[in-house]
Amino acid sequence: MAAPEVVLTERADGVRLAVVVSPRSSRSAVTGVREGALAVALHAPPVEGAANEELVALLARLCGVPKRAVRVVSGATGRRKLVDIAGVERATLAARLAGALP
């Protein structure tokens, strides 16, 4: 059976993906794939946008883009989020995510 994959949607300026976060974890890291969404553990608490800021920084570092290229477009106050990443192609992002998965 093939490993689950993150569903990536190509957009005019980059790629959109779903993310499921677990705030207040012992460390920040990609933990796997859950129902087509990238599962991410975040050390920051979900208070005053701290977890979203940490998510943006983690994804920017992982994708090799500046933080300003990563934007939470939906789910800012929930665990399930939609994130746009500008300036990266779908194939490049898929390869980087595959390398980051445990």
C-alpha atoms as a PDB file:
ATOM      1  CA  MET A   1       0.000   0.000   0.000  1.00  0.00           C
ATOM      2  CA  ALA A   2       1.333   3.442  -0.936  1.00  0.00           C
ATOM      3  CA  ALA A   3       2.052   6.026   1.721  1.00  0.00           C
ATOM      4  CA  PRO A   4      -0.650   8.697   2.100  1.00  0.00           C
ATOM      5  CA  GLU A   5       0.020  11.908   0.215  1.00  0.00           C
ATOM      6  CA  VAL A   6      -0.766  15.512   0.966  1.00  0.00           C
ATOM      7  CA  VAL A   7      -3.341  16.919  -1.454  1.00  0.00           C
ATOM      8  CA  LEU A   8      -1.765  19.920  -3.193  1.00  0.00           C
ATOM      9  CA  THR A   9      -3.850  22.295  -5.298  1.00  0.00           C
ATOM     10  CA  GLU A  10      -1.993  24.318  -7.923  1.00  0.00           C
ATOM     11  CA  ARG A  11      -2.945  27.977  -8.012  1.00  0.00           C
ATOM     12  CA  ALA A  12      -1.898  30.865 -10.274  1.00  0.00           C
ATOM     13  CA  ASP A  13       0.669  32.148  -7.766  1.00  0.00           C
ATOM     14  CA  GLY A  14       1.662  28.927  -6.009  1.00  0.00           C
ATOM     15  CA  VAL A  15       0.131  25.988  -4.175  1.00  0.00           C
ATOM     16  CA  ARG A  16      -2.642  25.486  -1.595  1.00  0.00           C
ATOM     17  CA  LEU A  17      -2.633  22.684   0.957  1.00  0.00           C
ATOM     18  CA  ALA A  18      -4.645  21.634   3.973  1.00  0.00           C
ATOM     19  CA  VAL A  19      -2.896  21.434   7.323  1.00  0.00           C
ATOM     20  CA  VAL A  20      -3.963  19.882  10.639  1.00  0.00           C
ATOM     21  CA  VAL A  21      -2.069  21.337  13.591  1.00  0.00           C
ATOM     22  CA  SER A  22      -1.489  20.086  17.127  1.00  0.00           C
ATOM     23  CA  PRO A  23      -0.436  23.082  19.236  1.00  0.00           C
ATOM     24  CA  ARG A  24       1.480  22.865  22.524  1.00  0.00           C
ATOM     25  CA  SER A  25       3.569  19.914  21.352  1.00  0.00           C
ATOM     26  CA  SER A  26       7.035  19.220  22.728  1.00  0.00           C
ATOM     27  CA  ARG A  27       8.596  20.406  19.442  1.00  0.00           C
ATOM     28  CA  SER A  28       7.548  21.797  16.083  1.00  0.00           C
ATOM     29  CA  ALA A  29       7.715  19.332  13.209  1.00  0.00           C
ATOM     30  CA  VAL A  30       5.809  17.677  10.390  1.00  0.00           C
ATOM     31  CA  THR A  31       4.305  14.509  11.859  1.00  0.00           C
ATOM     32  CA  GLY A  32       2.643  12.893   8.843  1.00  0.00           C
ATOM     33  CA  VAL A  33      -0.442  13.018   6.666  1.00  0.00           C
ATOM     34  CA  ARG A  34      -4.007  12.857   7.953  1.00  0.00           C
ATOM     35  CA  GLU A  35      -6.861  12.529   5.427  1.00  0.00           C
ATOM     36  CA  GLY A  36      -4.918  14.351   2.704  1.00  0.00           C
ATOM     37  CA  ALA A  37      -3.794  17.135   5.036  1.00  0.00           C
ATOM     38  CA  LEU A  38      -0.273  17.757   6.290  1.00  0.00           C
ATOM     39  CA  ALA A  39      -0.135  16.990  10.023  1.00  0.00           C
ATOM     40  CA  VAL A  40       2.070  19.420  11.940  1.00  0.00           C
ATOM     41  CA  ALA A  41       2.955  19.544  15.629  1.00  0.00           C
ATOM     42  CA  LEU A  42       3.611  23.075  16.908  1.00  0.00           C
ATOM     43  CA  HIS A  43       5.373  23.992  20.145  1.00  0.00           C
ATOM     44  CA  ALA A  44       3.535  27.332  20.382  1.00  0.00           C
ATOM     45  CA  PRO A  45       0.175  27.595  22.150  1.00  0.00           C
ATOM     46  CA  PRO A  46      -2.922  28.581  20.156  1.00  0.00           C
ATOM     47  CA  VAL A  47      -3.006  32.018  21.783  1.00  0.00           C
ATOM     48  CA  GLU A  48      -2.981  35.389  19.986  1.00  0.00           C
ATOM     49  CA  GLY A  49      -1.846  33.832  16.699  1.00  0.00           C
ATOM     50  CA  ALA A  50       1.373  32.331  18.082  1.00  0.00           C
ATOM     51  CA  ALA A  51       0.670  28.885  16.620  1.00  0.00           C
ATOM     52  CA  ASN A  52      -0.177  30.374  13.206  1.00  0.00           C
ATOM     53  CA  GLU A  53       3.070  32.386  13.219  1.00  0.00           C
ATOM     54  CA  GLU A  54       5.040  29.267  14.063  1.00  0.00           C
ATOM     55  CA  LEU A  55       3.236  27.304  11.334  1.00  0.00           C
ATOM     56  CA  VAL A  56       4.061  29.999   8.760  1.00  0.00           C
ATOM     57  CA  ALA A  57       7.738  30.000   9.813  1.00  0.00           C
ATOM     58  CA  LEU A  58       7.959  26.189   9.710  1.00  0.00           C
ATOM     59  CA  LEU A  59       6.339  25.905   6.270  1.00  0.00           C
ATOM     60  CA  ALA A  60       8.438  28.759   4.868  1.00  0.00           C
ATOM     61  CA  ARG A  61      11.638  27.068   6.055  1.00  0.00           C
ATOM     62  CA  LEU A  62      10.491  23.701   4.704  1.00  0.00           C
ATOM     63  CA  CYS A  63       9.511  25.144   1.306  1.00  0.00           C
ATOM     64  CA  GLY A  64      12.492  27.444   0.928  1.00  0.00           C
ATOM     65  CA  VAL A  65      10.373  30.591   0.581  1.00  0.00           C
ATOM     66  CA  PRO A  66      10.189  33.768   2.683  1.00  0.00           C
ATOM     67  CA  LYS A  67       7.587  33.870   5.463  1.00  0.00           C
ATOM     68  CA  ARG A  68       5.640  36.521   3.553  1.00  0.00           C
ATOM     69  CA  ALA A  69       4.972  33.896   0.832  1.00  0.00           C
ATOM     70  CA  VAL A  70       3.052  31.650   3.270  1.00  0.00           C
ATOM     71  CA  ARG A  71      -0.485  32.691   4.213  1.00  0.00           C
ATOM     72  CA  VAL A  72      -3.185  30.997   6.303  1.00  0.00           C
ATOM     73  CA  VAL A  73      -6.300  31.619   4.193  1.00  0.00           C
ATOM     74  CA  SER A  74      -8.827  29.625   6.212  1.00  0.00           C
ATOM     75  CA  GLY A  75      -9.065  28.165   9.691  1.00  0.00           C
ATOM     76  CA  ALA A  76      -6.966  30.739  11.542  1.00  0.00           C
ATOM     77  CA  THR A  77      -8.632  29.853  14.858  1.00  0.00           C
ATOM     78  CA  GLY A  78      -9.041  26.098  14.332  1.00  0.00           C
ATOM     79  CA  ARG A  79      -6.844  23.039  14.006  1.00  0.00           C
ATOM     80  CA  ARG A  80      -7.715  22.486  10.322  1.00  0.00           C
ATOM     81  CA  LYS A  81      -6.317  25.194   8.056  1.00  0.00           C
ATOM     82  CA  LEU A  82      -5.895  25.994   4.390  1.00  0.00           C
ATOM     83  CA  VAL A  83      -2.513  27.499   3.581  1.00  0.00           C
ATOM     84  CA  ASP A  84      -1.354  29.202   0.383  1.00  0.00           C
ATOM     85  CA  ILE A  85       2.340  29.104  -0.466  1.00  0.00           C
ATOM     86  CA  ALA A  86       3.388  31.527  -3.207  1.00  0.00           C
ATOM     87  CA  GLY A  87       6.445  31.188  -5.400  1.00  0.00           C
ATOM     88  CA  VAL A  88       6.696  27.402  -5.382  1.00  0.00           C
ATOM     89  CA  GLU A  89       5.598  24.810  -7.925  1.00  0.00           C
ATOM     90  CA  ARG A  90       3.469  21.814  -7.020  1.00  0.00           C
ATOM     91  CA  ALA A  91       6.147  19.243  -7.944  1.00  0.00           C
ATOM     92  CA  THR A  92       8.825  21.050  -5.935  1.00  0.00           C
ATOM     93  CA  LEU A  93       6.593  21.310  -2.885  1.00  0.00           C
ATOM     94  CA  ALA A  94       5.572  17.650  -3.166  1.00  0.00           C
ATOM     95  CA  ALA A  95       9.232  16.609  -3.182  1.00  0.00           C
ATOM     96  CA  ARG A  96      10.085  18.790  -0.175  1.00  0.00           C
ATOM     97  CA  LEU A  97       7.101  17.522   1.802  1.00  0.00           C
ATOM     98  CA  ALA A  98       7.969  13.908   0.975  1.00  0.00           C
ATOM     99  CA  GLY A  99      11.459  14.519   2.361  1.00  0.00           C
ATOM    100  CA  ALA A 100      10.057  16.024   5.572  1.00  0.00           C
ATOM    101  CA  LEU A 101       7.579  13.240   6.342  1.00  0.00           C
ATOM    102  CA  PRO A 102       8.592  10.772   9.053  1.00  0.00           C
END
